[in-house]
Amino acid sequence: QVHLVESGGRLVQAGGSLRLSCADPGRAFSTYAMGWFRQAPGKERECVSIINWSGGITHYADSVKGRFTISRDNAKNMVYLQMNSLKPEDTAVYYCAAVAAYGSTRPSDFGAWGQGTQVTVSS
C-alpha cells in the first residue's frame, strides 16, 4: 500500500527556489514510478514531471523544463522536486503520485496520491 505525504510548499517571490519532498513509508516504494502534478484554481490537474523506479528516466512538462528537477532516493523512500526560477504561473497545489509503470502523464493512471502542498509565487 502506498501512502504519500508532500511537504515544502510555501510562499516565495518570483525568481526564487523551493524543494518539494514526498515521503512514502511503504515497503514497495522503490518499485513505483513517481510523478509530480499541480493544480491551480479553476484549472485541470497537470503533470509537471515523472521519474521511473530507478531515477534514471525523467520527463518534464515544457512549461517547467530547465527550471525544475525531479529526483528520488529509494533508500529513504523519498521523491523530490527542485523548483528554480519560479514564476507566478507556477502557483498551484502540488501533488506527488505513484504509478506501477513509468510512461503515462495522465492523472487518472496514477493510483496513489498525497494530500498536496501549496506553492504560491508572488510577483
Protein backbone atom coordinates (compact mmCIF):
# COMPACT_ATOMS: atom_id res chain seq x y z
CA GLN A 1 0.00 0.00 0.00
CA VAL A 2 1.23 3.46 -0.89
CA HIS A 3 0.88 6.42 1.44
CA LEU A 4 2.27 9.68 0.19
CA VAL A 5 2.92 12.85 2.16
CA GLU A 6 4.14 16.03 0.48
CA SER A 7 5.91 18.92 2.17
CA GLY A 8 7.89 22.02 1.31
CA GLY A 9 5.31 24.28 -0.24
CA ARG A 10 5.18 27.91 0.86
CA LEU A 11 5.01 31.50 -0.36
CA VAL A 12 8.05 32.54 -2.39
CA GLN A 13 8.93 35.51 -4.57
CA ALA A 14 9.25 35.20 -8.31
CA GLY A 15 12.72 34.06 -9.25
CA GLY A 16 13.10 32.11 -6.04
CA SER A 17 13.54 28.40 -5.41
CA LEU A 18 11.75 25.68 -3.47
CA ARG A 19 12.29 21.99 -2.95
CA LEU A 20 9.23 19.85 -2.50
CA SER A 21 9.52 16.49 -0.81
CA CYS A 22 7.27 13.45 -0.92
CA ALA A 23 7.60 10.65 1.58
CA ASP A 24 6.24 7.15 1.35
CA PRO A 25 6.94 4.76 4.19
CA GLY A 26 5.62 1.84 2.19
CA ARG A 27 7.91 -1.07 1.52
CA ALA A 28 7.16 -1.10 -2.22
CA PHE A 29 8.23 2.49 -2.90
CA SER A 30 11.25 1.59 -5.00
CA THR A 31 9.12 -0.39 -7.43
CA TYR A 32 6.87 2.54 -8.39
CA ALA A 33 7.32 5.28 -10.91
CA MET A 34 6.51 8.62 -9.34
CA GLY A 35 5.11 11.88 -10.57
CA TRP A 36 4.60 15.44 -9.50
CA PHE A 37 1.39 17.13 -10.57
CA ARG A 38 -0.08 20.53 -9.90
CA GLN A 39 -3.50 22.08 -9.94
CA ALA A 40 -4.21 25.78 -10.00
CA PRO A 41 -7.66 27.18 -9.12
CA GLY A 42 -10.10 26.67 -11.94
CA LYS A 43 -7.66 24.55 -13.94
CA GLU A 44 -7.23 20.86 -14.52
CA ARG A 45 -4.56 18.88 -12.75
CA GLU A 46 -1.47 18.70 -14.92
CA CYS A 47 1.66 16.60 -14.88
CA VAL A 48 4.80 18.53 -14.01
CA SER A 49 7.32 15.72 -14.04
CA ILE A 50 7.64 11.95 -13.78
CA ILE A 51 10.52 9.66 -12.82
CA ASN A 52 10.96 5.94 -13.26
CA TRP A 53 11.63 3.49 -10.42
CA SER A 54 15.40 3.84 -10.53
CA GLY A 55 15.57 7.55 -11.18
CA GLY A 56 17.29 7.02 -14.48
CA ILE A 57 14.47 8.24 -16.70
CA THR A 58 12.63 11.50 -16.27
CA HIS A 59 10.16 13.63 -18.16
CA TYR A 60 9.15 17.26 -17.74
CA ALA A 61 6.32 19.41 -18.92
CA ASP A 62 7.52 22.04 -21.39
CA SER A 63 6.47 24.78 -19.00
CA VAL A 64 9.00 23.68 -16.36
CA LYS A 65 11.77 22.18 -18.44
CA GLY A 66 15.13 23.65 -17.48
CA ARG A 67 13.77 25.05 -14.21
CA PHE A 68 12.51 22.02 -12.29
CA THR A 69 14.36 18.82 -11.44
CA ILE A 70 12.77 15.62 -10.17
CA SER A 71 14.81 13.11 -8.21
CA ARG A 72 14.31 10.21 -5.83
CA ASP A 73 16.14 8.45 -3.03
CA ASN A 74 14.86 4.90 -2.79
CA ALA A 75 16.87 4.25 0.36
CA LYS A 76 14.83 6.94 2.10
CA ASN A 77 11.56 6.35 0.23
CA MET A 78 11.58 9.96 -0.92
CA VAL A 79 10.95 11.82 -4.15
CA TYR A 80 11.84 15.46 -4.63
CA LEU A 81 11.00 18.33 -6.93
CA GLN A 82 13.60 21.10 -7.03
CA MET A 83 11.98 24.21 -8.44
CA ASN A 84 14.14 27.13 -9.55
CA SER A 85 13.37 30.42 -11.26
CA LEU A 86 9.81 30.24 -10.02
CA LYS A 87 7.15 32.24 -11.80
CA PRO A 88 3.71 33.41 -10.63
CA GLU A 89 2.16 30.94 -13.05
CA ASP A 90 3.76 28.11 -11.05
CA THR A 91 1.33 28.89 -8.24
CA ALA A 92 -0.72 25.77 -7.54
CA VAL A 93 -1.27 22.88 -5.18
CA TYR A 94 1.44 20.34 -5.92
CA TYR A 95 0.79 16.64 -5.53
CA CYS A 96 3.00 13.61 -5.71
CA ALA A 97 1.59 10.38 -7.04
CA ALA A 98 2.63 6.81 -7.68
CA VAL A 99 2.06 4.52 -10.64
CA ALA A 100 3.10 0.95 -11.26
CA ALA A 101 4.88 1.60 -14.54
CA TYR A 102 6.66 4.61 -15.98
CA GLY A 103 5.28 6.26 -19.06
CA SER A 104 1.93 7.90 -18.51
CA THR A 105 1.43 11.54 -17.54
CA ARG A 106 -2.32 11.21 -17.13
CA PRO A 107 -3.54 11.77 -13.58
CA SER A 108 -6.13 9.02 -14.00
CA ASP A 109 -3.35 6.44 -14.42
CA PHE A 110 -1.82 7.21 -11.04
CA GLY A 111 -3.34 5.14 -8.27
CA ALA A 112 -1.99 6.78 -5.12
CA TRP A 113 -1.88 10.46 -4.24
CA GLY A 114 -0.70 12.68 -1.46
CA GLN A 115 -2.79 15.42 0.08
CA GLY A 116 -0.94 18.21 -1.75
CA THR A 117 1.21 21.14 -0.72
CA GLN A 118 0.52 24.75 -1.66
CA VAL A 119 3.10 26.68 -3.63
CA THR A 120 2.43 30.39 -4.08
CA VAL A 121 4.75 32.56 -6.15
CA SER A 122 4.35 36.29 -5.74
CA SER A 123 5.30 38.74 -8.46
